[in-house]
Every structure is written in structure tokens, then in C-alpha cells.
Amino acid sequence: MTQPELTTAPVLSSNPTYEPAAAPSSHAENPSHISGDISTIYETERTVAWILSNGYTCITLQFPDELLGDSTRVERVLQDGLRDADRKLSTIEDGVESLDIAKPVPSERKVYILADTSYGSCCVDEIAAEHAAADCIVHYGRACLSPTTRLPVLHVFTTLPLDLQALISSFVATFPDKSTPVILTSSLPYSAHLPTLQESLVSQGYTATFATSTIYDPSSPIPNRSCPPADVISSYHVFHIDEPLTSLILTLSTLTSSTSLQIYDPKARSTTVSFASRRLLRRYALLSHVRASGIFGILINTLSANNYLETIRTLQTLLAKHYKKSYLVTVGKLNPAKLANFAEVEVWIVVGCWESAVVDERREMWRPVVTPWEVTAALDGGEGAGVDGWRGDWGAFRTKVDEYEAARGEDGDEKGDNDDSNDEEESEPPVFDMRTGRYISSAQPMRAPKTSIAVAYSKEEGGEGAALTTTQKEKGLTVMIGNQISPAAEYLQQKRGWKGLGSDFAEVEYDRDGKEVWRGAEGAVVEEGRKGVARGYVVDRDDERT
């Protein structure tokens, strides 16, 4: 049975009936919360003391998605604690002094909940806090502890419960030799259990365990953790509580190349060995893709981490030196759909905190997503960077690149840096993709083209240079904007196309005078739809549905 032929554009909206939203479930039915005493888990007394000692009046509370179920309860406990503290300070003498009209009246404290962050939940969202004119931020849950630049921050890691007896039994089964050197580490919510764990292991005869402590140093061999001396750390096994992130697995796997990385799952109460060699091989395979690519997107994944602007400038300089074109993009939280909108970008470089530096491969991004260290290793050989680059140590990134450039000196510069722009293009070194074995002709799109101007366009006569220039480059066209080669504009000109709604039913042509000439049936008339808020739509100006 064939479908009837449409003579007009299909209706793009319907007139369904809207059911009222279900009543919010109780807190007991909400899995997004931590069971236990709110005051203890969220350290409300320490938070209140910190707020009062610094005199903050506008406080923002940042929660990750998994802790939003407790956000309102934590806010109420903090409000009660602040009011009780103010009452204790309001003595009779304070009341008499308050009669002095010259003394300013203290402003009321306001507490805001940041329910959604601009980037990763591990980063402190200073941008969202500044929208509320906040004085400070209280960050809850897992954190990358990257240095901030605008607002003071208090980190509350929300200690999670842990079955120590099951953990010790699993540890003993994993390391029966009690003289084995082992580093005890964990995710931040479990870090409070490490001293107790080490004491229990020492009482059972283990003599070479090292319990890490939390420090604010993402550039440490184990990020934000104290470590054994550098000359002996490679001889230690690592026992990590909770599943580590991809960036941390790569870092720990580098440290334990000659030993082992054991991961304990608190929910399953079991220990498994991490086989990260395949992940490392896949990451190193991306270096060949970086060398063969010509268009890079520098992806801003943070606006609060210290030194991120300096890292961006360093990356732009590095890519320009190797004749690579770079574009600066910010899209908020990463997902495949957002990055797929920039189809011309061949490789994305993430500038974010150390936790978000390595994007999980299971997210199936449209193009490879790499770290600044990987770009440096691919283009300059990696002599200027160390293993800490896996996790985005931005403070050390610029220093290492500067040291590498100084070590190379003038004798180590590429010969192509001072080549005359009129040199034959055949003299450029060929670039091959080592994965496919194919020649890549677009690996260096910023080489000065050996061309003659074919078309020039300027918005105003007598303007300063051409705004858009199309030049002949062998068999193809090179688009230049403001006298700069633009591979993205070239991609847009040659490969992208778009037709509006109703294009299947109405075709538009242009006559010699540039006027539109319609062919076929016209589209449907646009009608006014619903308006209002989600709990009560207004339909046809009279009928209201909830």
C-alpha cells in the first residue's frame, strides 16, 4: 500500500493532552542521597564556623548530580546553624551597641544551591557562583582540587561508609606477603578511612604500607595525594579504593609499570587488577593521528582552573609553529552531539582539570579528544613533557615547553620555519598516517599557499584588504578570511549544505535579477502554538491545560 502524496507541508505540531506532573517522591524513595547523619557526612559545623570566621554573607553550595537529593536538607541545616550562631553572639552588650545608629546593620546571610554546573562537577563553578554575587563556594563530593582564581572555596568530601573488615580481608588475599610495599590510596570520599586501614594492617604484621593523605597539589605523582620518595615509588604496588577515573588509571599505570594496580570495589567488596596496557596503547596510537591532522579544536572545559589561559596561548603558538590551524571552542559539558557540530575539526584538545583531561573512550566522541601533553609529544617528540601531562598539569605544562624550546636552541629549529613563502610545495616533507599508511595532503593547512588571487570580495569599496578571498591552490580552492587561511570556511564552502523546512515541497530559484521564484506548492501557514509555563499551558488564548 503506497503512501498518499502530500500536497502541503506536514503539520509540525499536534494537540496532545498534558497529564499533570507526578508528585515528587519522598526522600526515602530517592536514590540520589547519602544515608546517615547530614551534620556528620556534610560537616555542617565546620562549614558554619568557616562562614562565620570569614564573615561571608552570600554563600553558594555546589552539589554533584548524585548528591542533589540531600541539597535542600543540607541547606536547611546550614541555615539553622548560622541562625543559632548569630543568636549566641547576640548578647546584651551587643544589643546595647546595636542601638548606635552609626553602626551598620549586618546584612542577612543568603544561601544558594548550584544544582547544575557549567562544566564538570569535580571543578568549582566560579562562573555560576558569580551570577549570584557569591562571597564563597562550598563544594561537596569528589573534587579535582584545582586551584581557583576568583572565590574562596571550602571542600567537603562527604565521607562515605566503608566495610573495613571486608576491605582488610580482600587486601590480605591480594597481598599475602606482608613485606610487599603497597601504597594505600582512594577516591576522596573514602580517604578518611585510610589511616584506620593502615593501623589495622600494621597490627596484622604488614611492614611496608604507605597511606596517602590529601594535599592540594594536582601535579603530585598521584594527584592530590602524598607519595613515597620519588626514587622508590616505582617499586610500590598501588591499592586503590573505588574505581578511579580514566586519567588516574593512566597515571597510576605509568607508576606501576613494573608492579601492579589493584582496585577495590566497596559495593562488590572485591579486588581486581587493572589491565591498563591496552588503554595506554590506544592513547599512544592517537599521537599518529595528531601528526596527520591539520585542523585542531582547542576545547575549553574549565573557566576556574589556574593557568588555563596560559595553556591555551601555549597551544596556539605550538600549533602555529607546525602549520596547524586551531580554533577556540567552548561548549560546556562535553557530549558527542555537541562536538559533532564541528565536523571540520579533526582533533580536539581538552583544556580542563586533571580529571577531565582524558575523556572516557566509552563516550564515543565524533573525533579523537587528546590532552595538551599528547599534542606536544606528537609534534615535538615529547622531550618537553613528562607523564604528569596525562592529567593536565597546566602549571608545569608551560614550564616544560619553555625548557624544551630552550634546550633545542636555534640549531634544533625546523628548517621549514624560515622557508620563503614562494618555495615549491613539492619540497614540503610528506606526512603519512601510520595507522592507514596513506599520504595526508592537509596535514599542514597553514603553509603559505603558492597561488594567485582568483576572486576577492570586500564589504565596502576601498576597505582595508579583502574580507574573503578565494585563491587557486593546485586542483582545489583555499578560502582566506582577513588574509588568513581558513580551513573551516573552506570545509563550509565545499562540503556543507542546508535546506530549510518545507524544502521537499517548495523549491526556490533565482532569476537574473536575483529575485526568488517559487516552484511547487507553498508551505503551510505558521500558527501560534502554546505558551506559558510548564505547569499551565495556554491554548488558543481561551483554553488552559495543566
Protein backbone atom coordinates (compact mmCIF):
# COMPACT_ATOMS: atom_id res chain seq x y z
CA MET A 1 0.00 0.00 0.00
CA THR A 2 1.54 3.23 -1.15
CA GLN A 3 1.52 6.37 0.93
CA PRO A 4 -0.72 9.21 -0.38
CA GLU A 5 1.21 12.04 -1.97
CA LEU A 6 1.45 15.13 0.22
CA THR A 7 0.34 18.39 -1.33
CA THR A 8 1.26 20.62 1.60
CA ALA A 9 3.91 20.59 4.28
CA PRO A 10 3.13 18.21 7.16
CA VAL A 11 1.89 19.60 10.43
CA LEU A 12 4.87 20.06 12.72
CA SER A 13 2.86 20.16 15.95
CA SER A 14 -0.04 18.23 17.42
CA ASN A 15 -2.63 18.91 20.08
CA PRO A 16 -1.96 16.30 22.77
CA THR A 17 -3.43 16.32 26.24
CA TYR A 18 -0.98 17.04 29.01
CA GLU A 19 -1.07 14.98 32.15
CA PRO A 20 -0.21 16.71 35.43
CA ALA A 21 3.30 16.05 36.70
CA ALA A 22 3.63 13.31 39.28
CA ALA A 23 4.06 14.38 42.86
CA PRO A 24 7.70 14.46 43.95
CA SER A 25 8.78 11.28 45.68
CA SER A 26 9.82 11.28 49.30
CA HIS A 27 13.45 11.47 50.28
CA ALA A 28 13.43 7.85 51.35
CA GLU A 29 12.50 6.78 47.81
CA ASN A 30 15.09 8.98 46.16
CA PRO A 31 18.32 7.08 45.44
CA SER A 32 20.23 10.34 44.96
CA HIS A 33 21.28 10.78 48.58
CA ILE A 34 23.65 9.51 51.22
CA SER A 35 22.17 7.64 54.17
CA GLY A 36 23.33 8.81 57.55
CA ASP A 37 23.61 11.90 59.69
CA ILE A 38 23.60 15.00 57.49
CA SER A 39 25.58 17.04 60.00
CA THR A 40 28.37 14.45 60.15
CA ILE A 41 28.60 13.49 56.49
CA TYR A 42 28.43 17.06 55.18
CA GLU A 43 30.46 18.58 58.05
CA THR A 44 27.96 21.35 58.66
CA GLU A 45 29.59 22.54 61.90
CA ARG A 46 32.94 23.07 60.18
CA THR A 47 31.15 24.83 57.31
CA VAL A 48 29.27 27.18 59.65
CA ALA A 49 32.47 28.00 61.54
CA TRP A 50 34.27 28.74 58.26
CA ILE A 51 31.48 31.06 57.09
CA LEU A 52 31.30 32.95 60.38
CA SER A 53 35.06 33.30 60.79
CA ASN A 54 35.35 34.92 57.35
CA GLY A 55 32.17 36.99 57.57
CA TYR A 56 30.60 35.69 54.34
CA THR A 57 27.04 36.83 53.68
CA CYS A 58 26.29 35.21 50.31
CA ILE A 59 27.15 31.51 50.20
CA THR A 60 26.74 29.08 47.29
CA LEU A 61 26.58 25.31 47.76
CA GLN A 62 27.74 23.22 44.80
CA PHE A 63 26.49 19.62 44.64
CA PRO A 64 27.19 16.92 42.05
CA ASP A 65 24.24 15.18 40.43
CA GLU A 66 24.40 12.15 42.73
CA LEU A 67 24.09 14.33 45.88
CA LEU A 68 21.29 16.67 44.80
CA GLY A 69 18.81 14.64 46.84
CA ASP A 70 20.45 15.95 50.01
CA SER A 71 20.95 19.56 48.87
CA THR A 72 17.84 21.08 50.45
CA ARG A 73 18.39 19.24 53.76
CA VAL A 74 22.00 20.43 53.90
CA GLU A 75 20.89 23.99 53.14
CA ARG A 76 18.33 23.94 55.98
CA VAL A 77 20.87 22.56 58.46
CA LEU A 78 23.35 25.28 57.49
CA GLN A 79 20.69 27.99 57.79
CA ASP A 80 19.73 26.74 61.26
CA GLY A 81 23.36 26.58 62.29
CA LEU A 82 24.03 30.14 61.11
CA ARG A 83 20.95 31.46 62.93
CA ASP A 84 21.88 29.66 66.15
CA ALA A 85 25.40 31.05 65.97
CA ASP A 86 24.05 34.57 65.46
CA ARG A 87 21.79 34.19 68.49
CA LYS A 88 24.71 33.12 70.68
CA LEU A 89 26.65 36.19 69.60
CA SER A 90 23.70 38.48 70.30
CA THR A 91 24.45 39.22 73.97
CA ILE A 92 23.07 42.09 76.00
CA GLU A 93 26.14 44.18 75.23
CA ASP A 94 25.69 43.54 71.54
CA GLY A 95 22.07 44.64 71.86
CA VAL A 96 23.09 47.89 73.53
CA GLU A 97 25.71 48.54 70.86
CA SER A 98 23.14 47.90 68.16
CA LEU A 99 21.24 50.97 69.37
CA ASP A 100 24.02 53.10 67.97
CA ILE A 101 22.61 54.39 64.70
CA ALA A 102 26.12 54.98 63.38
CA LYS A 103 26.88 51.25 63.49
CA PRO A 104 25.96 49.49 60.21
CA VAL A 105 23.26 46.85 60.42
CA PRO A 106 24.63 43.39 59.49
CA SER A 107 23.19 42.09 56.25
CA GLU A 108 21.17 38.88 56.15
CA ARG A 109 23.03 35.80 55.00
CA LYS A 110 21.79 34.15 51.82
CA VAL A 111 22.49 30.56 50.81
CA TYR A 112 22.11 29.40 47.19
CA ILE A 113 22.26 25.86 45.76
CA LEU A 114 24.09 25.33 42.47
CA ALA A 115 22.14 22.41 41.05
CA ASP A 116 23.82 22.33 37.64
CA THR A 117 27.43 23.12 36.83
CA SER A 118 28.77 24.65 33.63
CA TYR A 119 31.50 22.02 33.15
CA GLY A 120 32.46 19.05 35.33
CA SER A 121 31.04 18.57 38.81
CA CYS A 122 34.56 18.00 40.13
CA CYS A 123 35.52 21.59 39.25
CA VAL A 124 34.49 24.58 41.33
CA ASP A 125 31.95 26.52 39.25
CA GLU A 126 33.02 30.07 39.96
CA ILE A 127 31.07 31.42 36.97
CA ALA A 128 27.71 30.16 38.27
CA ALA A 129 28.55 31.42 41.76
CA GLU A 130 29.34 34.89 40.45
CA HIS A 131 25.86 35.04 38.90
CA ALA A 132 24.56 35.09 42.46
CA ALA A 133 27.22 37.61 43.57
CA ALA A 134 28.56 34.99 45.96
CA ASP A 135 31.29 35.62 48.52
CA CYS A 136 32.36 31.97 48.70
CA ILE A 137 31.64 28.44 47.49
CA VAL A 138 31.18 25.24 49.47
CA HIS A 139 31.97 22.32 47.16
CA TYR A 140 30.63 18.86 48.04
CA GLY A 141 31.66 15.41 46.85
CA ARG A 142 34.51 14.33 44.60
CA ALA A 143 36.78 17.21 43.63
CA CYS A 144 39.82 17.71 41.40
CA LEU A 145 41.18 20.34 43.86
CA SER A 146 42.41 22.53 41.01
CA PRO A 147 43.49 25.99 42.23
CA THR A 148 40.80 28.63 41.76
CA THR A 149 41.29 32.25 40.78
CA ARG A 150 38.21 34.22 41.88
CA LEU A 151 36.44 32.98 45.01
CA PRO A 152 37.45 31.23 48.26
CA VAL A 153 36.38 27.58 48.37
CA LEU A 154 35.69 25.09 51.14
CA HIS A 155 35.82 21.43 50.05
CA VAL A 156 33.62 18.90 51.85
CA PHE A 157 34.34 15.40 50.57
CA THR A 158 31.25 13.77 52.18
CA THR A 159 32.83 10.71 53.74
CA LEU A 160 31.17 7.51 52.52
CA PRO A 161 30.74 4.41 54.72
CA LEU A 162 33.15 1.52 54.20
CA ASP A 163 33.20 -2.06 55.48
CA LEU A 164 36.75 -2.20 56.85
CA GLN A 165 36.63 -5.89 57.73
CA ALA A 166 35.72 -6.88 54.17
CA LEU A 167 38.36 -4.50 52.85
CA ILE A 168 41.10 -5.94 55.08
CA SER A 169 40.16 -9.50 54.12
CA SER A 170 40.37 -8.61 50.44
CA PHE A 171 43.72 -6.87 50.96
CA VAL A 172 45.20 -9.87 52.78
CA ALA A 173 44.05 -12.19 50.00
CA THR A 174 45.59 -9.90 47.38
CA PHE A 175 48.94 -9.37 49.16
CA PRO A 176 49.71 -12.48 51.25
CA ASP A 177 53.37 -11.44 51.57
CA LYS A 178 53.37 -8.95 54.45
CA SER A 179 56.64 -7.34 53.33
CA THR A 180 55.22 -6.24 49.96
CA PRO A 181 55.44 -2.43 49.58
CA VAL A 182 51.92 -1.10 48.92
CA ILE A 183 50.55 2.43 48.53
CA LEU A 184 47.08 2.77 50.06
CA THR A 185 45.04 5.38 48.23
CA SER A 186 41.39 6.03 47.41
CA SER A 187 38.88 8.44 45.98
CA LEU A 188 38.32 11.48 48.18
CA PRO A 189 35.03 10.29 49.77
CA TYR A 190 36.89 7.25 51.17
CA SER A 191 40.15 8.99 52.12
CA ALA A 192 39.15 9.37 55.78
CA HIS A 193 39.31 5.57 56.21
CA LEU A 194 42.95 5.23 55.10
CA PRO A 195 44.64 5.91 58.50
CA THR A 196 42.41 3.35 60.21
CA LEU A 197 43.09 0.85 57.41
CA GLN A 198 46.84 1.25 57.75
CA GLU A 199 46.72 0.82 61.53
CA SER A 200 44.77 -2.40 61.11
CA LEU A 201 47.24 -3.72 58.53
CA VAL A 202 50.25 -2.83 60.70
CA SER A 203 48.66 -4.67 63.62
CA GLN A 204 48.45 -7.76 61.39
CA GLY A 205 52.16 -7.59 60.54
CA TYR A 206 52.36 -5.56 57.32
CA THR A 207 55.58 -3.54 57.39
CA ALA A 208 55.72 -1.69 54.06
CA THR A 209 52.38 0.06 53.63
CA PHE A 210 52.12 3.77 52.87
CA ALA A 211 48.78 5.53 53.46
CA THR A 212 48.38 8.62 51.30
CA SER A 213 46.94 11.85 52.68
CA THR A 214 45.04 14.58 50.86
CA ILE A 215 47.10 17.53 49.63
CA TYR A 216 46.18 20.34 47.27
CA ASP A 217 48.66 19.50 44.53
CA PRO A 218 47.32 18.09 41.22
CA SER A 219 50.92 17.81 39.92
CA SER A 220 51.87 15.22 42.56
CA PRO A 221 52.81 11.75 41.17
CA ILE A 222 49.41 10.65 42.49
CA PRO A 223 47.22 13.74 42.01
CA ASN A 224 46.37 15.50 45.30
CA ARG A 225 47.96 12.73 47.34
CA SER A 226 51.15 12.46 49.36
CA CYS A 227 53.54 9.85 47.97
CA PRO A 228 56.69 7.94 48.92
CA PRO A 229 60.03 9.39 47.77
CA ALA A 230 60.44 9.61 44.00
CA ASP A 231 63.38 7.19 43.92
CA VAL A 232 61.39 4.31 45.43
CA ILE A 233 57.80 4.98 44.35
CA SER A 234 58.16 2.76 41.26
CA SER A 235 58.76 -0.29 43.49
CA TYR A 236 55.39 0.05 45.23
CA HIS A 237 52.16 -1.69 44.33
CA VAL A 238 49.07 0.53 44.40
CA PHE A 239 45.88 -0.46 46.21
CA HIS A 240 43.10 1.97 45.25
CA ILE A 241 39.70 2.07 46.93
CA ASP A 242 36.87 2.84 44.48
CA GLU A 243 37.00 2.83 40.68
CA PRO A 244 39.47 5.51 39.52
CA LEU A 245 38.88 7.82 36.57
CA THR A 246 40.50 7.18 33.21
CA SER A 247 43.10 9.90 33.71
CA LEU A 248 44.04 8.49 37.13
CA ILE A 249 44.24 4.93 35.77
CA LEU A 250 46.71 6.08 33.11
CA THR A 251 48.78 7.92 35.71
CA LEU A 252 48.81 5.04 38.19
CA SER A 253 49.56 2.54 35.43
CA THR A 254 52.61 4.57 34.49
CA LEU A 255 53.81 4.49 38.10
CA THR A 256 53.15 0.75 38.42
CA SER A 257 54.63 -0.36 35.09
CA SER A 258 56.80 -2.91 36.90
CA THR A 259 54.35 -3.73 39.74
CA SER A 260 50.54 -3.85 39.82
CA LEU A 261 47.48 -1.66 40.27
CA GLN A 262 44.78 -3.25 42.44
CA ILE A 263 41.30 -1.68 42.54
CA TYR A 264 38.88 -2.42 45.39
CA ASP A 265 35.14 -2.04 44.74
CA PRO A 266 33.38 -1.04 48.02
CA LYS A 267 29.98 -2.14 46.69
CA ALA A 268 31.02 -5.55 45.38
CA ARG A 269 33.63 -5.90 48.19
CA SER A 270 36.13 -7.42 45.79
CA THR A 271 39.55 -6.55 44.40
CA THR A 272 40.53 -6.72 40.73
CA VAL A 273 43.78 -5.99 38.95
CA SER A 274 43.71 -3.19 36.39
CA PHE A 275 45.00 -4.03 32.93
CA ALA A 276 45.60 -0.55 31.54
CA SER A 277 48.20 -1.51 28.93
CA ARG A 278 45.60 -1.57 26.16
CA ARG A 279 44.38 1.87 27.19
CA LEU A 280 47.92 3.17 27.05
CA LEU A 281 48.41 1.65 23.60
CA ARG A 282 45.24 3.33 22.34
CA ARG A 283 46.33 6.66 23.77
CA TYR A 284 49.75 6.41 22.15
CA ALA A 285 48.10 5.43 18.85
CA LEU A 286 46.37 8.82 18.90
CA LEU A 287 49.77 10.52 18.55
CA SER A 288 49.96 9.38 14.92
CA HIS A 289 46.51 10.85 14.32
CA VAL A 290 47.64 14.15 15.84
CA ARG A 291 50.63 14.39 13.50
CA ALA A 292 48.49 13.65 10.44
CA SER A 293 45.73 16.17 11.32
CA GLY A 294 45.65 19.77 10.22
CA ILE A 295 42.62 21.32 11.95
CA PHE A 296 42.51 21.35 15.75
CA GLY A 297 39.83 22.49 18.14
CA ILE A 298 41.06 23.81 21.50
CA LEU A 299 38.20 22.89 23.78
CA ILE A 300 37.80 24.95 26.94
CA ASN A 301 36.47 22.64 29.65
CA THR A 302 37.04 24.94 32.62
CA LEU A 303 36.90 28.62 33.45
CA SER A 304 38.22 28.39 37.00
CA ALA A 305 41.38 26.27 36.95
CA ASN A 306 44.53 28.31 37.36
CA ASN A 307 46.82 28.80 34.32
CA TYR A 308 44.26 27.62 31.76
CA LEU A 309 44.57 30.85 29.72
CA GLU A 310 48.34 30.47 29.59
CA THR A 311 47.90 26.89 28.43
CA ILE A 312 45.63 27.99 25.58
CA ARG A 313 48.13 30.56 24.37
CA THR A 314 50.92 27.99 24.53
CA LEU A 315 48.87 25.52 22.48
CA GLN A 316 48.04 28.13 19.84
CA THR A 317 51.73 29.00 19.50
CA LEU A 318 52.73 25.33 19.30
CA LEU A 319 50.18 24.51 16.60
CA ALA A 320 51.01 27.59 14.55
CA LYS A 321 54.69 26.65 14.63
CA HIS A 322 53.81 23.33 12.99
CA TYR A 323 51.47 24.99 10.46
CA LYS A 324 48.35 23.58 12.10
CA LYS A 325 45.12 25.56 12.20
CA SER A 326 43.43 25.90 15.60
CA TYR A 327 40.00 27.13 16.66
CA LEU A 328 38.99 28.02 20.22
CA VAL A 329 35.65 26.48 21.25
CA THR A 330 33.69 26.24 24.49
CA VAL A 331 30.58 24.06 24.70
CA GLY A 332 30.13 23.46 28.43
CA LYS A 333 29.76 19.82 29.39
CA LEU A 334 31.11 17.54 26.68
CA ASN A 335 28.97 15.10 24.73
CA PRO A 336 29.26 13.58 21.23
CA ALA A 337 26.38 15.62 19.79
CA LYS A 338 28.00 18.96 20.64
CA LEU A 339 31.37 18.11 19.15
CA ALA A 340 29.80 16.59 16.04
CA ASN A 341 28.51 20.06 15.11
CA PHE A 342 32.11 20.98 14.23
CA ALA A 343 32.69 18.33 11.58
CA GLU A 344 35.72 20.11 10.11
CA VAL A 345 37.74 19.72 13.32
CA GLU A 346 39.96 16.63 13.12
CA VAL A 347 41.30 16.53 16.70
CA TRP A 348 40.02 18.12 19.90
CA ILE A 349 42.41 19.27 22.64
CA VAL A 350 40.80 19.48 26.08
CA VAL A 351 41.95 22.21 28.43
CA GLY A 352 40.38 21.36 31.75
CA CYS A 353 41.16 19.97 35.16
CA TRP A 354 43.28 16.86 35.58
CA GLU A 355 40.20 14.66 35.98
CA SER A 356 38.62 15.79 32.70
CA ALA A 357 41.89 15.89 30.74
CA VAL A 358 41.42 12.34 29.43
CA VAL A 359 37.91 11.83 28.05
CA ASP A 360 36.49 8.37 28.63
CA GLU A 361 36.70 6.36 25.42
CA ARG A 362 33.29 4.82 26.08
CA ARG A 363 31.66 8.19 25.34
CA GLU A 364 32.21 7.64 21.59
CA MET A 365 33.17 11.12 20.54
CA TRP A 366 32.97 12.00 16.87
CA ARG A 367 36.66 12.94 16.70
CA PRO A 368 39.61 11.99 18.92
CA VAL A 369 39.94 14.01 22.12
CA VAL A 370 43.50 14.39 23.41
CA THR A 371 45.42 16.29 26.08
CA PRO A 372 47.92 19.15 25.56
CA TRP A 373 50.72 16.82 26.58
CA GLU A 374 49.78 14.36 23.82
CA VAL A 375 49.88 17.16 21.25
CA THR A 376 53.33 18.21 22.47
CA ALA A 377 54.56 14.62 22.42
CA ALA A 378 53.24 14.10 18.88
CA LEU A 379 54.54 17.32 17.33
CA ASP A 380 57.77 17.95 19.26
CA GLY A 381 58.72 14.41 20.18
CA GLY A 382 57.66 14.60 23.82
CA GLU A 383 61.08 15.67 25.15
CA GLY A 384 59.46 18.65 26.82
CA ALA A 385 56.78 16.83 28.79
CA GLY A 386 56.51 14.10 31.37
CA VAL A 387 53.91 11.59 32.43
CA ASP A 388 52.13 14.23 34.50
CA GLY A 389 50.79 15.61 31.24
CA TRP A 390 48.20 12.81 31.09
CA ARG A 391 46.18 14.64 33.68
CA GLY A 392 46.69 18.23 32.56
CA ASP A 393 49.19 19.82 34.91
CA TRP A 394 48.86 23.28 33.36
CA GLY A 395 51.33 24.94 35.68
CA ALA A 396 54.09 22.57 34.64
CA PHE A 397 52.95 22.32 31.00
CA ARG A 398 54.16 25.80 30.01
CA THR A 399 57.38 25.39 32.02
CA LYS A 400 58.23 22.10 30.33
CA VAL A 401 57.53 23.50 26.87
CA ASP A 402 59.76 26.53 27.58
CA GLU A 403 62.54 24.28 28.85
CA TYR A 404 62.24 22.10 25.76
CA GLU A 405 62.38 25.11 23.42
CA ALA A 406 65.44 26.49 25.24
CA ALA A 407 67.18 23.10 25.05
CA ARG A 408 66.58 22.84 21.33
CA GLY A 409 68.07 26.23 20.61
CA GLU A 410 68.39 27.72 17.19
CA ASP A 411 70.12 24.63 15.77
CA GLY A 412 67.14 22.46 16.63
CA ASP A 413 64.54 24.56 14.85
CA GLU A 414 62.80 23.10 11.86
CA LYS A 415 64.22 24.15 8.56
CA GLY A 416 60.76 24.98 7.34
CA ASP A 417 60.40 27.79 9.86
CA ASN A 418 62.43 30.20 7.74
CA ASP A 419 61.47 28.88 4.32
CA ASP A 420 60.47 31.50 1.82
CA SER A 421 56.77 31.55 1.04
CA ASN A 422 57.49 31.12 -2.66
CA ASP A 423 59.26 27.75 -2.25
CA GLU A 424 57.82 24.91 -4.26
CA GLU A 425 55.15 22.96 -2.41
CA GLU A 426 56.74 19.72 -3.59
CA SER A 427 59.67 20.45 -1.24
CA GLU A 428 57.42 20.09 1.83
CA PRO A 429 58.04 16.83 3.70
CA PRO A 430 55.25 14.30 3.10
CA VAL A 431 53.07 13.30 6.03
CA PHE A 432 51.69 9.78 6.29
CA ASP A 433 49.10 8.39 8.65
CA MET A 434 50.88 5.46 10.28
CA ARG A 435 47.58 3.72 11.01
CA THR A 436 46.38 3.64 7.39
CA GLY A 437 49.66 4.17 5.51
CA ARG A 438 48.06 6.89 3.38
CA TYR A 439 49.54 10.22 2.41
CA ILE A 440 47.89 13.21 4.13
CA SER A 441 47.91 16.31 1.96
CA SER A 442 46.10 18.51 4.51
CA ALA A 443 48.39 17.90 7.49
CA GLN A 444 49.79 21.45 7.30
CA PRO A 445 46.99 23.77 6.10
CA MET A 446 48.73 26.93 7.30
CA ARG A 447 51.61 26.70 4.82
CA ALA A 448 51.80 29.85 2.73
CA PRO A 449 49.90 28.94 -0.50
CA LYS A 450 51.70 29.26 -3.82
CA THR A 451 48.71 30.78 -5.58
CA SER A 452 47.33 33.70 -7.44
CA ILE A 453 44.20 35.51 -6.30
CA ALA A 454 41.18 34.44 -8.33
CA VAL A 455 38.27 36.05 -6.51
CA ALA A 456 38.29 38.90 -4.00
CA TYR A 457 35.33 40.16 -2.03
CA SER A 458 35.09 43.23 0.20
CA LYS A 459 32.09 44.57 2.05
CA GLU A 460 32.98 48.17 1.31
CA GLU A 461 34.80 49.67 -1.59
CA GLY A 462 38.18 50.92 -0.54
CA GLY A 463 38.15 48.82 2.62
CA GLU A 464 41.32 47.59 4.27
CA GLY A 465 42.15 44.43 2.34
CA ALA A 466 39.81 41.67 1.27
CA ALA A 467 37.42 40.26 3.85
CA LEU A 468 37.00 36.98 1.95
CA THR A 469 39.48 35.75 -0.65
CA THR A 470 39.36 32.55 -2.68
CA THR A 471 42.71 31.51 -4.11
CA GLN A 472 43.68 28.76 -6.52
CA LYS A 473 45.83 26.06 -4.95
CA GLU A 474 46.65 23.37 -7.45
CA LYS A 475 43.39 21.48 -8.03
CA GLY A 476 41.40 22.86 -5.08
CA LEU A 477 40.40 26.18 -3.57
CA THR A 478 41.76 27.78 -0.43
CA VAL A 479 39.48 30.20 1.41
CA MET A 480 41.12 33.10 3.20
CA ILE A 481 39.41 35.40 5.69
CA GLY A 482 41.23 38.58 6.61
CA ASN A 483 44.34 37.40 4.71
CA GLN A 484 44.44 34.20 6.82
CA ILE A 485 43.80 30.71 5.56
CA SER A 486 40.57 29.29 7.00
CA PRO A 487 40.20 25.52 6.56
CA ALA A 488 36.86 25.67 8.39
CA ALA A 489 35.48 28.18 5.87
CA GLU A 490 36.81 26.01 3.06
CA TYR A 491 35.03 22.99 4.56
CA LEU A 492 31.85 25.04 4.85
CA GLN A 493 32.10 26.20 1.25
CA GLN A 494 32.80 22.83 -0.32
CA LYS A 495 31.17 20.17 1.86
CA ARG A 496 28.34 21.63 3.87
CA GLY A 497 24.82 22.38 2.71
CA TRP A 498 21.48 23.06 4.33
CA LYS A 499 17.87 23.34 3.28
CA GLY A 500 15.14 24.85 5.39
CA LEU A 501 11.83 23.36 6.47
CA GLY A 502 9.45 22.64 3.63
CA SER A 503 12.24 22.24 1.09
CA ASP A 504 10.73 18.92 -0.03
CA PHE A 505 7.57 20.67 -1.17
CA ALA A 506 8.70 24.10 -2.35
CA GLU A 507 11.81 24.82 -4.39
CA VAL A 508 13.29 28.28 -4.61
CA GLU A 509 15.12 29.53 -7.69
CA TYR A 510 16.54 32.92 -8.54
CA ASP A 511 16.10 34.81 -11.79
CA ARG A 512 18.69 37.02 -13.43
CA ASP A 513 17.69 39.96 -11.25
CA GLY A 514 18.25 37.94 -8.06
CA LYS A 515 14.55 37.66 -7.16
CA GLU A 516 13.10 34.49 -5.67
CA VAL A 517 10.99 32.31 -7.94
CA TRP A 518 8.98 29.60 -6.19
CA ARG A 519 8.44 26.23 -7.82
CA GLY A 520 5.85 23.85 -6.48
CA ALA A 521 3.41 24.22 -3.58
CA GLU A 522 3.99 26.69 -0.78
CA GLY A 523 4.46 25.62 2.80
CA ALA A 524 1.79 25.58 5.49
CA VAL A 525 0.84 28.73 7.35
CA VAL A 526 2.64 29.16 10.65
CA GLU A 527 0.20 29.10 13.55
CA GLU A 528 0.64 30.28 17.10
CA GLY A 529 1.22 27.42 19.50
CA ARG A 530 1.08 27.01 23.24
CA LYS A 531 2.61 29.50 25.61
CA GLY A 532 3.08 29.76 29.32
CA VAL A 533 4.94 27.79 31.95
CA ALA A 534 5.17 24.01 32.06
CA ARG A 535 2.58 23.63 34.80
CA GLY A 536 -0.11 25.52 32.85
CA TYR A 537 -0.10 25.95 29.08
CA VAL A 538 -2.44 28.42 27.37
CA VAL A 539 -4.02 27.12 24.14
CA ASP A 540 -5.94 29.29 21.64
CA ARG A 541 -5.99 32.15 24.17
CA ASP A 542 -9.04 30.68 25.96
CA ASP A 543 -8.40 27.06 26.80
CA GLU A 544 -5.89 26.42 29.60
CA ARG A 545 -4.48 22.99 30.32
CA THR A 546 -2.42 21.90 33.26
